[in-house]
N, C-alpha and C. Protein backbone atom coordinates (compact mmCIF):
# COMPACT_ATOMS: atom_id res chain seq x y z
N UNK A 1 94.15 58.90 117.88
CA UNK A 1 95.26 59.66 117.08
C UNK A 1 95.48 61.35 117.91
N UNK A 2 96.34 61.53 117.75
CA UNK A 2 96.33 63.20 118.62
C UNK A 2 96.60 63.85 117.59
N UNK A 3 95.68 65.28 117.45
CA UNK A 3 96.08 66.20 116.67
C UNK A 3 96.86 67.56 117.60
N UNK A 4 97.73 68.21 116.53
CA UNK A 4 98.04 69.34 117.03
C UNK A 4 97.35 70.45 117.53
N UNK A 5 97.27 70.93 118.86
CA UNK A 5 96.53 72.02 119.44
C UNK A 5 96.73 73.22 118.66
N UNK A 6 95.71 74.16 118.68
CA UNK A 6 95.60 75.49 118.00
C UNK A 6 96.78 76.13 118.97
N UNK A 7 97.28 76.85 118.23
CA UNK A 7 98.27 77.85 119.10
C UNK A 7 97.48 79.15 119.50
N UNK A 8 97.97 79.69 120.22
CA UNK A 8 97.49 81.12 120.78
C UNK A 8 97.86 82.10 119.64
N UNK A 9 98.99 82.39 119.04
CA UNK A 9 99.35 82.80 118.03
C UNK A 9 99.88 82.40 116.79
N UNK A 10 99.69 82.74 115.51
CA UNK A 10 100.66 81.97 114.77
C UNK A 10 101.92 82.20 114.51
N UNK A 11 102.71 81.77 114.01
CA UNK A 11 104.20 81.97 113.69
C UNK A 11 104.42 83.32 113.37
N UNK A 12 103.86 83.54 112.28
CA UNK A 12 103.88 84.75 111.61
C UNK A 12 103.55 86.04 112.33
N UNK A 13 102.73 85.97 113.10
CA UNK A 13 102.13 87.07 113.88
C UNK A 13 103.01 87.35 114.90
N UNK A 14 103.43 86.14 115.60
CA UNK A 14 104.47 86.54 116.82
C UNK A 14 105.75 87.04 116.23
N UNK A 15 106.20 86.50 115.02
CA UNK A 15 107.59 87.42 114.56
C UNK A 15 107.34 88.86 114.28
N UNK A 16 106.11 89.13 113.35
CA UNK A 16 105.93 90.66 113.13
C UNK A 16 105.86 91.18 114.43
N UNK A 17 105.33 90.87 115.57
CA UNK A 17 104.82 91.68 116.80
C UNK A 17 106.30 91.72 117.46
N UNK A 18 107.12 90.45 117.61
CA UNK A 18 108.20 90.74 118.66
C UNK A 18 109.20 91.68 117.72
N UNK A 19 109.02 91.80 116.24
CA UNK A 19 110.08 92.37 115.65
C UNK A 19 109.63 94.00 115.67
N UNK A 20 108.46 94.19 115.60
CA UNK A 20 107.88 95.55 115.91
C UNK A 20 108.00 96.03 117.15
N UNK A 21 107.92 95.19 118.15
CA UNK A 21 108.29 95.57 119.56
C UNK A 21 109.79 96.00 119.76
N UNK A 22 110.87 95.15 119.29
CA UNK A 22 111.99 95.66 119.40
C UNK A 22 112.23 96.68 118.95
N UNK A 23 112.06 96.87 117.54
CA UNK A 23 112.18 98.26 116.94
C UNK A 23 111.83 99.49 117.68
N UNK A 24 110.71 99.28 118.28
CA UNK A 24 110.07 100.39 119.18
C UNK A 24 110.49 100.97 120.15
N UNK A 25 111.21 99.52 120.94
CA UNK A 25 112.19 99.78 122.52
C UNK A 25 113.35 100.59 121.79
N UNK A 26 114.13 100.02 120.55
CA UNK A 26 115.35 100.62 120.00
C UNK A 26 115.13 102.24 119.55
N UNK A 27 113.71 102.39 119.23
CA UNK A 27 113.59 103.90 118.79
C UNK A 27 113.62 104.54 120.06
N UNK A 28 112.73 104.25 120.73
CA UNK A 28 112.47 104.93 122.18
C UNK A 28 113.84 104.70 122.96
N UNK A 29 114.70 103.91 123.19
CA UNK A 29 116.02 104.48 123.77
C UNK A 29 117.15 105.20 123.01
N UNK A 30 116.80 105.07 121.49
CA UNK A 30 117.76 106.29 121.08
C UNK A 30 116.94 107.86 121.24
N UNK A 31 115.79 107.87 121.02
CA UNK A 31 115.67 109.18 121.60
C UNK A 31 115.56 109.65 122.91
N UNK A 32 115.61 108.75 123.63
CA UNK A 32 115.95 109.08 125.31
C UNK A 32 117.43 109.59 125.17
N UNK A 33 118.16 108.59 124.44
CA UNK A 33 119.80 109.15 124.47
C UNK A 33 120.22 110.78 123.54
N UNK A 34 119.05 110.96 123.26
CA UNK A 34 119.35 112.48 122.37
C UNK A 34 119.16 113.58 123.51
N UNK A 35 118.63 113.13 124.24
CA UNK A 35 118.03 114.38 125.38
C UNK A 35 116.64 114.77 125.53
N UNK A 36 115.72 113.87 124.77
CA UNK A 36 114.19 114.52 124.72
C UNK A 36 113.88 113.88 126.06
N UNK A 37 112.58 114.24 126.47
CA UNK A 37 111.91 113.94 127.51
C UNK A 37 111.64 112.46 127.59
N UNK A 38 111.38 111.52 128.47
CA UNK A 38 110.91 110.22 128.41
C UNK A 38 109.43 110.14 127.90
N UNK A 39 108.90 111.13 127.77
CA UNK A 39 107.33 110.75 127.50
C UNK A 39 107.30 111.20 126.02
N UNK A 40 108.49 111.78 125.27
CA UNK A 40 108.55 112.01 124.07
C UNK A 40 109.25 110.58 123.50
N UNK A 41 110.39 110.09 124.21
CA UNK A 41 110.69 108.57 123.52
C UNK A 41 109.71 107.61 123.82
N UNK A 42 108.60 107.57 124.86
CA UNK A 42 107.70 107.01 124.71
C UNK A 42 106.79 106.77 123.43
N UNK A 43 106.54 107.94 123.40
CA UNK A 43 105.24 108.22 122.06
C UNK A 43 106.13 107.75 120.75
N UNK A 44 107.44 108.13 120.54
CA UNK A 44 108.13 107.77 119.31
C UNK A 44 108.27 106.42 119.17
N UNK A 45 108.47 105.47 120.34
CA UNK A 45 108.71 104.35 120.28
C UNK A 45 107.48 103.35 120.02
N UNK A 46 106.12 103.96 120.46
CA UNK A 46 105.07 103.06 120.33
C UNK A 46 104.63 103.69 118.97
N UNK A 47 104.92 104.65 118.31
CA UNK A 47 104.56 105.41 116.80
C UNK A 47 105.39 104.39 116.20
N UNK A 48 106.41 104.39 116.36
CA UNK A 48 107.49 103.29 115.33
C UNK A 48 107.11 102.29 115.20
N UNK A 49 106.50 101.29 116.44
CA UNK A 49 106.26 100.19 116.52
C UNK A 49 104.82 99.88 115.82
N UNK A 50 104.02 100.91 115.93
CA UNK A 50 102.74 100.86 115.46
C UNK A 50 102.89 100.90 113.83
N UNK A 51 103.65 101.56 113.57
CA UNK A 51 103.98 101.76 112.09
C UNK A 51 104.55 100.74 111.13
N UNK A 52 105.34 100.12 112.21
CA UNK A 52 106.12 98.94 111.66
C UNK A 52 105.40 97.75 111.49
N UNK A 53 104.27 97.68 112.25
CA UNK A 53 103.46 96.27 111.99
C UNK A 53 102.97 96.06 110.64
N UNK A 54 102.37 97.07 109.94
CA UNK A 54 101.89 96.73 108.60
C UNK A 54 102.99 96.58 107.37
N UNK A 55 104.21 97.00 107.74
CA UNK A 55 105.39 97.13 106.73
C UNK A 55 105.97 95.49 106.98
N UNK A 56 106.32 95.38 108.10
CA UNK A 56 106.88 94.15 108.62
C UNK A 56 105.92 92.70 108.13
N UNK A 57 104.51 93.14 108.32
CA UNK A 57 103.48 92.10 107.70
C UNK A 57 103.52 91.90 106.23
N UNK A 58 104.01 92.71 105.43
CA UNK A 58 103.89 92.49 104.31
C UNK A 58 105.45 92.11 103.82
N UNK A 59 106.31 92.25 104.46
CA UNK A 59 107.81 92.14 103.92
C UNK A 59 108.24 90.47 104.68
N UNK A 60 107.51 90.44 105.89
CA UNK A 60 107.68 88.99 106.30
C UNK A 60 106.55 87.67 105.95
N UNK A 61 106.76 87.53 104.71
CA UNK A 61 105.61 87.11 104.05
C UNK A 61 105.33 85.45 104.68
N UNK A 62 104.41 85.05 104.75
CA UNK A 62 103.55 83.80 105.30
C UNK A 62 104.42 82.99 104.48
N UNK A 63 104.86 81.50 104.78
CA UNK A 63 105.24 80.55 104.22
C UNK A 63 104.22 79.90 103.29
N UNK A 64 104.61 79.75 102.25
CA UNK A 64 103.68 78.88 101.42
C UNK A 64 103.07 77.50 102.03
N UNK A 65 102.04 77.77 101.71
CA UNK A 65 100.92 76.48 101.96
C UNK A 65 101.38 75.07 101.39
N UNK A 66 101.71 73.97 102.37
CA UNK A 66 102.14 72.62 101.77
C UNK A 66 100.93 72.13 100.93
N UNK A 67 101.43 71.63 99.55
CA UNK A 67 100.44 71.02 98.59
C UNK A 67 99.53 69.85 98.90
N UNK A 68 97.96 70.02 98.69
CA UNK A 68 97.72 68.95 99.63
C UNK A 68 97.50 67.78 98.54
N UNK A 69 97.50 66.31 99.02
CA UNK A 69 97.68 65.19 98.25
C UNK A 69 96.09 65.29 97.72
N UNK A 70 96.00 64.74 96.01
CA UNK A 70 94.90 64.38 95.46
C UNK A 70 94.02 63.24 95.95
N UNK A 71 93.02 63.17 96.23
CA UNK A 71 92.28 61.97 96.51
C UNK A 71 92.45 60.66 95.81
N UNK A 72 92.65 59.77 96.19
CA UNK A 72 93.15 58.42 95.50
C UNK A 72 91.78 57.97 94.94
N UNK A 73 91.65 57.26 93.92
CA UNK A 73 90.49 56.68 93.70
C UNK A 73 90.71 54.89 93.45
N UNK A 74 90.11 54.12 94.07
CA UNK A 74 89.98 52.74 93.45
C UNK A 74 89.02 52.29 92.69
N UNK A 75 88.92 51.54 92.12
CA UNK A 75 88.11 51.03 90.98
C UNK A 75 86.53 50.98 91.94
N UNK A 76 86.89 50.36 92.78
CA UNK A 76 85.33 50.01 93.92
C UNK A 76 84.68 51.20 94.30
N UNK A 77 85.49 52.17 94.22
CA UNK A 77 85.01 53.54 95.09
C UNK A 77 84.64 54.67 93.94
N UNK A 78 84.49 54.27 92.58
CA UNK A 78 84.19 55.15 91.71
C UNK A 78 82.60 55.55 91.79
N UNK A 79 82.54 56.69 91.80
CA UNK A 79 81.03 56.87 91.88
C UNK A 79 80.72 58.14 90.70
N UNK A 80 80.26 57.60 89.32
CA UNK A 80 79.68 58.47 88.48
C UNK A 80 81.19 59.42 87.65
N UNK A 81 82.18 58.59 87.85
CA UNK A 81 83.57 59.46 87.36
C UNK A 81 83.89 60.39 88.23
N UNK A 82 83.45 60.23 89.65
CA UNK A 82 84.37 61.34 90.37
C UNK A 82 84.50 60.37 91.70
N UNK A 83 85.76 60.86 92.37
CA UNK A 83 86.36 60.04 93.55
C UNK A 83 85.47 60.35 94.67
N UNK A 84 85.47 59.28 95.70
CA UNK A 84 84.79 59.76 97.00
C UNK A 84 85.77 59.54 97.80
N UNK A 85 86.03 60.59 98.59
CA UNK A 85 86.86 60.49 99.90
C UNK A 85 86.45 59.72 100.90
N UNK A 86 87.72 59.08 101.65
CA UNK A 86 87.17 58.01 102.42
C UNK A 86 86.96 58.88 103.86
């Protein structure tokens, strides 16, 4: 049986970081277009991206986990009234 390999980053983390990076690029580009020095635009972009991560993490919620199936009990596998998982 094949199992799904672990991913490098969960989907939630990838979406949050990608969105924060895009926001930082937009803020940096807008700062450059105002006539500010490039160094100031880089600082503005990095600051806005860093500040956006915790906000985006709470706004973009994790999907609810799928409910787990309860263990099934067969009369022959009952042990003191509790189910044993196979």
